[in-house]
Protein backbone atom coordinates (compact mmCIF):
# COMPACT_ATOMS: atom_id res chain seq x y z
CA MET A 1 -55.07 -9.62 -7.74
CA SER A 2 -54.03 -13.07 -8.99
CA ALA A 3 -56.47 -15.97 -8.87
CA ASN A 4 -56.09 -18.44 -6.01
CA ILE A 5 -54.10 -21.04 -7.97
CA ASP A 6 -51.17 -23.22 -6.95
CA TRP A 7 -48.96 -21.92 -9.75
CA ALA A 8 -46.05 -24.23 -8.86
CA ASN A 9 -48.13 -27.35 -9.51
CA LEU A 10 -50.06 -26.17 -12.54
CA GLY A 11 -49.94 -28.65 -15.43
CA PHE A 12 -50.13 -28.09 -19.18
CA ALA A 13 -53.88 -28.71 -19.55
CA TYR A 14 -57.14 -26.83 -20.07
CA SER A 15 -58.42 -24.86 -17.11
CA LYS A 16 -61.46 -22.63 -17.49
CA THR A 17 -61.11 -18.86 -17.06
CA PRO A 18 -64.07 -16.46 -16.68
CA TYR A 19 -64.19 -14.82 -20.12
CA ARG A 20 -63.75 -15.64 -23.78
CA PHE A 21 -64.17 -13.57 -26.95
CA VAL A 22 -66.87 -14.54 -29.48
CA SER A 23 -67.59 -13.10 -32.92
CA ASN A 24 -69.97 -14.45 -35.58
CA TYR A 25 -69.78 -14.22 -39.37
CA LYS A 26 -73.19 -14.15 -41.06
CA ASP A 27 -74.49 -12.61 -44.31
CA LYS A 28 -70.88 -12.15 -45.41
CA LYS A 29 -69.79 -9.90 -42.54
CA TRP A 30 -68.37 -10.17 -39.04
CA ASP A 31 -70.24 -8.71 -36.11
CA ASP A 32 -68.42 -6.59 -33.51
CA GLY A 33 -67.86 -9.53 -31.18
CA CYS A 34 -68.01 -9.48 -27.40
CA LEU A 35 -66.71 -11.12 -24.25
CA SER A 36 -68.81 -14.01 -22.94
CA ASP A 37 -68.85 -15.95 -19.67
CA ASN A 38 -70.26 -19.06 -21.38
CA GLU A 39 -67.62 -21.64 -22.33
CA ASN A 40 -70.08 -23.92 -24.13
CA ILE A 41 -70.84 -23.91 -27.86
CA VAL A 42 -74.15 -25.08 -29.30
CA ILE A 43 -74.12 -25.97 -33.01
CA ASN A 44 -76.22 -28.06 -35.36
CA GLU A 45 -75.38 -31.76 -35.75
CA SER A 46 -74.60 -31.08 -39.42
CA ALA A 47 -72.35 -28.09 -38.77
CA CYS A 48 -69.58 -27.90 -41.35
CA VAL A 49 -66.85 -28.18 -38.72
CA LEU A 50 -68.27 -31.51 -37.53
CA GLN A 51 -68.73 -32.97 -41.01
CA TYR A 52 -65.80 -31.60 -43.01
CA ALA A 53 -63.33 -30.25 -40.42
CA GLN A 54 -63.43 -26.66 -41.66
CA THR A 55 -61.51 -25.16 -38.77
CA CYS A 56 -58.19 -23.51 -37.98
CA PHE A 57 -56.56 -22.23 -34.82
CA GLU A 58 -53.64 -20.34 -33.29
CA GLY A 59 -51.72 -20.51 -30.03
CA LEU A 60 -49.84 -17.86 -28.09
CA LYS A 61 -49.15 -16.92 -24.47
CA ALA A 62 -49.50 -14.01 -22.08
CA TYR A 63 -46.78 -13.48 -19.45
CA THR A 64 -46.03 -11.33 -16.47
CA THR A 65 -42.71 -9.58 -17.07
CA VAL A 66 -39.99 -8.88 -14.53
CA ASP A 67 -41.37 -5.35 -14.02
CA GLY A 68 -44.96 -6.54 -13.49
CA ARG A 69 -46.48 -5.85 -16.91
CA ILE A 70 -48.77 -8.36 -18.64
CA VAL A 71 -47.70 -8.87 -22.25
CA CYS A 72 -48.17 -11.11 -25.29
CA PHE A 73 -45.46 -12.18 -27.70
CA ARG A 74 -45.90 -11.15 -31.37
CA PRO A 75 -49.71 -11.58 -31.66
CA ASP A 76 -49.63 -9.74 -34.99
CA LEU A 77 -47.88 -12.76 -36.51
CA ASN A 78 -50.59 -15.08 -35.16
CA ALA A 79 -53.17 -12.82 -36.79
CA GLN A 80 -51.26 -12.95 -40.06
CA ARG A 81 -50.88 -16.73 -39.97
CA MET A 82 -54.56 -17.28 -39.17
CA ALA A 83 -55.45 -15.09 -42.15
CA GLN A 84 -53.30 -17.36 -44.35
CA SER A 85 -54.97 -20.46 -42.89
CA CYS A 86 -58.43 -19.00 -43.54
CA GLU A 87 -57.62 -18.18 -47.14
CA ARG A 88 -56.42 -21.75 -47.78
CA LEU A 89 -59.49 -23.28 -46.09
CA LYS A 90 -62.06 -20.97 -47.75
CA MET A 91 -62.94 -19.27 -44.49
CA PRO A 92 -63.52 -15.53 -44.04
CA VAL A 93 -60.47 -13.74 -42.70
CA PHE A 94 -60.96 -12.18 -39.30
CA PRO A 95 -59.33 -8.73 -39.68
CA GLU A 96 -55.78 -8.81 -38.34
CA ASP A 97 -56.08 -5.61 -36.31
CA LYS A 98 -59.31 -6.83 -34.71
CA PHE A 99 -57.62 -10.18 -33.99
CA VAL A 100 -54.94 -8.43 -31.94
CA ASP A 101 -57.57 -6.23 -30.24
CA ALA A 102 -59.56 -9.35 -29.34
CA VAL A 103 -56.47 -11.03 -27.86
CA VAL A 104 -55.78 -7.93 -25.76
CA ALA A 105 -59.42 -7.74 -24.57
CA THR A 106 -59.56 -11.44 -23.67
CA VAL A 107 -56.27 -11.45 -21.77
CA LYS A 108 -57.18 -8.22 -19.96
CA ALA A 109 -60.55 -9.70 -18.91
CA ASN A 110 -58.72 -12.73 -17.49
CA LYS A 111 -55.69 -10.86 -16.10
CA ASP A 112 -56.10 -12.44 -12.66
CA PHE A 113 -55.24 -15.77 -14.28
CA VAL A 114 -51.93 -14.60 -15.75
CA PRO A 115 -49.33 -16.30 -13.51
CA PRO A 116 -46.89 -14.13 -11.55
CA TYR A 117 -43.36 -13.58 -12.81
CA GLY A 118 -40.91 -16.27 -11.74
CA THR A 119 -43.39 -19.16 -11.60
CA GLY A 120 -42.51 -20.46 -15.07
CA ALA A 121 -46.23 -20.55 -15.82
CA SER A 122 -48.18 -18.49 -18.36
CA LEU A 123 -51.68 -17.84 -19.69
CA TYR A 124 -52.18 -19.85 -22.87
CA VAL A 125 -54.31 -18.03 -25.46
CA ARG A 126 -56.20 -20.06 -28.10
CA PRO A 127 -57.86 -18.19 -30.99
CA TYR A 128 -59.81 -20.45 -33.36
CA MET A 129 -62.46 -20.37 -36.07
CA PHE A 130 -64.92 -22.92 -37.44
CA GLY A 131 -67.76 -23.34 -39.93
CA SER A 132 -70.91 -23.26 -37.83
CA ASP A 133 -73.96 -23.69 -40.07
CA PRO A 134 -75.48 -27.02 -41.26
CA ILE A 135 -73.77 -28.32 -44.41
CA LEU A 136 -74.48 -31.69 -46.01
CA GLY A 137 -72.90 -31.46 -49.46
CA VAL A 138 -69.13 -31.07 -49.54
CA LYS A 139 -68.68 -27.31 -49.68
CA PRO A 140 -67.53 -24.46 -47.43
CA ALA A 141 -69.78 -23.20 -44.66
CA ASN A 142 -71.72 -19.96 -44.97
CA ASP A 143 -71.55 -18.97 -41.31
CA PHE A 144 -68.51 -19.00 -39.04
CA GLN A 145 -67.59 -18.34 -35.46
CA PHE A 146 -64.29 -16.88 -34.24
CA ARG A 147 -63.46 -17.40 -30.58
CA ILE A 148 -60.59 -16.93 -28.14
CA PHE A 149 -60.31 -18.73 -24.83
CA THR A 150 -57.50 -18.68 -22.28
CA SER A 151 -56.12 -21.21 -19.84
CA PRO A 152 -53.38 -20.86 -17.22
CA VAL A 153 -50.70 -23.48 -17.83
CA GLY A 154 -47.58 -24.56 -16.01
CA PRO A 155 -44.12 -24.81 -17.56
CA TYR A 156 -44.03 -27.39 -20.33
CA PHE A 157 -41.07 -29.06 -18.64
CA LYS A 158 -41.26 -29.40 -14.86
CA GLY A 159 -37.78 -29.52 -13.36
CA GLY A 160 -36.09 -28.34 -16.55
CA ALA A 161 -36.00 -29.42 -20.17
CA LYS A 162 -34.43 -32.85 -20.55
CA PRO A 163 -33.45 -34.08 -24.03
CA ILE A 164 -36.03 -36.31 -25.70
CA THR A 165 -35.83 -39.26 -28.10
CA VAL A 166 -37.57 -38.98 -31.46
CA ARG A 167 -38.01 -41.33 -34.39
CA ILE A 168 -38.15 -40.98 -38.15
CA SER A 169 -41.78 -41.67 -38.98
CA ASP A 170 -43.10 -43.91 -41.74
CA TYR A 171 -46.24 -41.76 -41.90
CA ASP A 172 -46.59 -38.60 -43.96
CA ARG A 173 -47.52 -35.36 -42.27
CA ALA A 174 -48.50 -33.33 -45.36
CA ALA A 175 -48.87 -33.73 -49.12
CA PRO A 176 -46.71 -31.58 -51.44
CA HIS A 177 -49.70 -29.42 -52.42
CA GLY A 178 -51.75 -29.95 -49.27
CA THR A 179 -52.31 -27.94 -46.08
CA GLY A 180 -49.07 -28.52 -44.17
CA HIS A 181 -48.22 -24.81 -44.31
CA VAL A 182 -51.40 -23.69 -42.50
CA LYS A 183 -52.61 -24.31 -38.95
CA ALA A 184 -55.61 -26.45 -39.84
CA GLY A 185 -57.20 -28.74 -37.26
CA LEU A 186 -57.21 -31.58 -39.79
CA ASN A 187 -53.37 -31.61 -39.85
CA TYR A 188 -53.31 -32.39 -36.15
CA ALA A 189 -56.06 -35.01 -36.35
CA MET A 190 -54.05 -37.06 -38.82
CA SER A 191 -50.97 -36.91 -36.58
CA LEU A 192 -52.70 -38.47 -33.56
CA TYR A 193 -52.30 -42.09 -34.65
CA ALA A 194 -48.60 -41.58 -35.32
CA ILE A 195 -47.88 -39.85 -32.00
CA VAL A 196 -49.75 -42.47 -29.96
CA ASP A 197 -47.87 -45.18 -31.84
CA ALA A 198 -44.57 -43.42 -31.16
CA HIS A 199 -45.32 -43.15 -27.44
CA GLU A 200 -46.29 -46.81 -27.26
CA LYS A 201 -42.92 -47.70 -28.80
CA GLY A 202 -40.96 -45.52 -26.36
CA PHE A 203 -40.41 -42.39 -28.46
CA ASP A 204 -41.38 -38.84 -27.53
CA GLU A 205 -42.12 -37.52 -31.03
CA ASN A 206 -42.06 -38.21 -34.76
CA ILE A 207 -39.88 -36.48 -37.32
CA TYR A 208 -41.71 -36.45 -40.64
CA LEU A 209 -39.97 -36.56 -44.02
CA ASP A 210 -41.12 -34.88 -47.20
CA SER A 211 -43.83 -37.07 -48.68
CA GLY A 212 -42.61 -36.56 -52.25
CA THR A 213 -39.15 -38.11 -51.99
CA ARG A 214 -38.84 -39.08 -48.29
CA THR A 215 -35.25 -37.84 -48.31
CA PHE A 216 -35.58 -34.44 -46.57
CA ILE A 217 -36.62 -33.81 -42.97
CA GLU A 218 -39.55 -31.45 -42.44
CA GLU A 219 -41.04 -31.07 -38.95
CA THR A 220 -42.70 -33.01 -36.15
CA GLY A 221 -46.39 -33.35 -35.38
CA GLY A 222 -46.46 -30.06 -33.48
CA ALA A 223 -43.12 -28.29 -33.81
CA ASN A 224 -40.54 -26.98 -36.26
CA ILE A 225 -36.99 -28.37 -36.17
CA LEU A 226 -33.75 -26.52 -35.41
CA LEU A 227 -30.33 -28.05 -35.99
CA VAL A 228 -26.87 -26.86 -35.00
CA THR A 229 -24.00 -27.96 -37.21
CA LYS A 230 -20.66 -28.96 -35.75
CA ASP A 231 -19.19 -25.62 -36.85
CA GLY A 232 -21.91 -23.73 -34.95
CA LYS A 233 -24.32 -22.74 -37.72
CA LEU A 234 -28.06 -22.79 -36.95
CA ILE A 235 -30.09 -24.35 -39.75
CA THR A 236 -33.77 -25.17 -40.19
CA PRO A 237 -35.63 -27.13 -42.90
CA LYS A 238 -37.14 -25.22 -45.82
CA SER A 239 -40.30 -26.58 -47.43
CA HIS A 240 -43.68 -25.40 -48.72
CA THR A 241 -45.38 -27.98 -46.48
CA ILE A 242 -43.93 -26.78 -43.13
CA LEU A 243 -45.96 -24.59 -40.80
CA PRO A 244 -44.19 -21.20 -40.46
CA SER A 245 -43.62 -21.32 -36.71
CA ILE A 246 -43.53 -17.90 -35.04
CA THR A 247 -41.19 -19.29 -32.39
CA ARG A 248 -38.83 -20.68 -35.03
CA ARG A 249 -38.74 -17.41 -36.96
CA SER A 250 -38.05 -15.53 -33.73
CA LEU A 251 -35.27 -17.93 -32.73
CA MET A 252 -33.57 -17.62 -36.11
CA TYR A 253 -33.57 -13.83 -35.69
CA VAL A 254 -32.26 -14.11 -32.13
CA ALA A 255 -29.49 -16.46 -33.29
CA LYS A 256 -28.25 -14.00 -35.90
CA GLU A 257 -28.89 -10.62 -34.28
CA TYR A 258 -28.36 -11.40 -30.57
CA LEU A 259 -25.92 -14.31 -30.58
CA GLY A 260 -24.01 -13.57 -33.79
CA LEU A 261 -24.57 -17.04 -35.24
CA GLU A 262 -24.68 -17.87 -38.91
CA THR A 263 -28.19 -19.03 -39.85
CA GLU A 264 -29.65 -20.78 -42.87
CA GLU A 265 -33.04 -22.07 -43.98
CA ARG A 266 -32.63 -24.83 -46.55
CA GLN A 267 -33.55 -28.37 -47.47
CA ILE A 268 -31.89 -30.76 -45.03
CA ARG A 269 -31.29 -34.36 -46.08
CA LEU A 270 -32.07 -37.17 -43.67
CA ASP A 271 -28.51 -38.48 -44.01
CA GLU A 272 -27.15 -35.13 -42.74
CA LEU A 273 -28.48 -35.75 -39.23
CA THR A 274 -25.41 -37.81 -38.32
CA ASP A 275 -23.27 -34.69 -38.82
CA MET A 276 -25.26 -32.43 -36.45
CA ALA A 277 -24.12 -31.28 -32.99
CA GLU A 278 -27.50 -30.29 -31.52
CA CYS A 279 -31.20 -30.53 -32.32
CA GLY A 280 -34.28 -28.87 -30.89
CA LEU A 281 -38.03 -28.84 -31.55
CA CYS A 282 -39.51 -25.36 -31.25
CA GLY A 283 -43.03 -24.06 -30.70
CA THR A 284 -45.22 -21.93 -28.45
CA ALA A 285 -45.75 -24.53 -25.72
CA ALA A 286 -42.14 -25.39 -24.86
CA VAL A 287 -40.15 -22.74 -26.79
CA ILE A 288 -37.48 -25.41 -27.45
CA SER A 289 -37.52 -29.13 -26.63
CA PRO A 290 -33.93 -30.44 -26.86
CA VAL A 291 -33.42 -33.68 -28.75
CA GLY A 292 -30.74 -36.08 -27.57
CA LYS A 293 -31.35 -39.11 -29.76
CA ILE A 294 -32.96 -39.79 -33.17
CA ASN A 295 -33.99 -43.32 -34.11
CA ASP A 296 -34.04 -44.04 -37.83
CA HIS A 297 -35.64 -47.49 -38.07
CA GLY A 298 -33.34 -49.02 -35.49
CA LYS A 299 -30.28 -46.94 -36.34
CA GLU A 300 -29.62 -44.58 -33.43
CA ILE A 301 -28.24 -41.12 -34.08
CA CYS A 302 -26.91 -39.82 -30.78
CA LEU A 303 -26.37 -36.07 -30.78
CA PRO A 304 -23.05 -34.96 -29.25
CA SER A 305 -25.01 -32.67 -26.89
CA GLY A 306 -26.16 -35.83 -25.11
CA MET A 307 -29.22 -36.91 -23.12
CA ASN A 308 -28.57 -35.00 -19.88
CA GLU A 309 -29.20 -31.34 -20.71
CA MET A 310 -29.72 -28.83 -23.51
CA GLY A 311 -26.80 -28.35 -25.84
CA PRO A 312 -24.91 -25.04 -25.39
CA VAL A 313 -26.30 -23.29 -28.50
CA ILE A 314 -29.88 -24.46 -27.98
CA LYS A 315 -29.68 -23.32 -24.33
CA LYS A 316 -28.44 -19.85 -25.33
CA LEU A 317 -31.30 -19.57 -27.81
CA TYR A 318 -33.84 -20.67 -25.22
CA ASP A 319 -32.54 -18.38 -22.49
CA THR A 320 -32.35 -15.37 -24.82
CA LEU A 321 -35.86 -15.73 -26.21
CA ARG A 322 -37.33 -16.33 -22.75
CA GLY A 323 -35.48 -13.25 -21.55
CA ILE A 324 -37.04 -11.21 -24.36
CA GLN A 325 -40.50 -12.54 -23.53
CA LEU A 326 -40.16 -11.87 -19.80
CA GLY A 327 -38.57 -8.45 -20.09
CA THR A 328 -35.08 -9.22 -18.77
CA ILE A 329 -33.61 -8.71 -22.27
CA LYS A 330 -34.55 -5.81 -24.54
CA ALA A 331 -36.94 -6.98 -27.26
CA PRO A 332 -36.80 -6.04 -30.94
CA GLU A 333 -39.25 -3.30 -31.91
CA GLY A 334 -42.83 -4.58 -32.11
CA TRP A 335 -42.24 -8.02 -30.59
CA ILE A 336 -43.95 -7.38 -27.25
CA LYS A 337 -47.61 -6.34 -27.07
CA GLU A 338 -48.38 -4.78 -23.71
CA ILE A 339 -51.79 -5.72 -22.31
CA CYS A 340 -51.79 -3.90 -18.99
């Protein structure tokens, strides 16, 4: 039975659910982990995560499909990406198979909070890990905690996805040999000033350039970038400092295998944006946010798709991937993890 929630008016914000998964790493090994009804964390004031930001996280969703099943979308790739983040941040890898098992157990324990099919809402799933023991000198923690919590969330766009306005940022998102390719909390902390500044100046997001030459576009503060050329090819930036978005990788596959589009991952120059037909920002929360206008230091680049609705290619991509997630379109083998 579903929880007594007004699904139609649910926002995209944290809302407590009864259970979360908790596992501790101590003496160089992970314990078995368990479900807990306590949402609070008690750690020492000198815990490594508080002093040196040794933490990483993931984000995925659970849905109710058209035939009433509760599923998750490609959690194995979240497990894989968290393992890569942990290796870069000198954190112990939580075994990928146990990661998926923990996601399944947590969603199943909170199944009453998975919104019904047709509401546009979903259960957001947040796995994360942090250094938990007291550290004063600059070094990795010895002890770690891995947790997963869930939160029912409404559709990212109420009333449909309207094109947004973004700007080319003067700030750098990631250094050439830094941590831009992993989902580290510190990457998001450094983007907060830039996003608040963008909002104050009337923009919805920042597009960051490569910090080495500032001639190639990379990604935004929380999403990968998709571009559609005027001859209908789907392209996305290629860089060692871009987070490998699971949504973006899935959309590129959908474009080629479901829609028959030509796709390419390559370096994309800033001056190429004037030649594009459509643009979208992709990630777990929104799937795709259409972009209607890009402001490059006062020079406006108005996409031919306009400011009223998604462009035709971006809309086909969005509709197809959502159909795969919700069970109205047959999914590729292994993409859908059935919970119950």
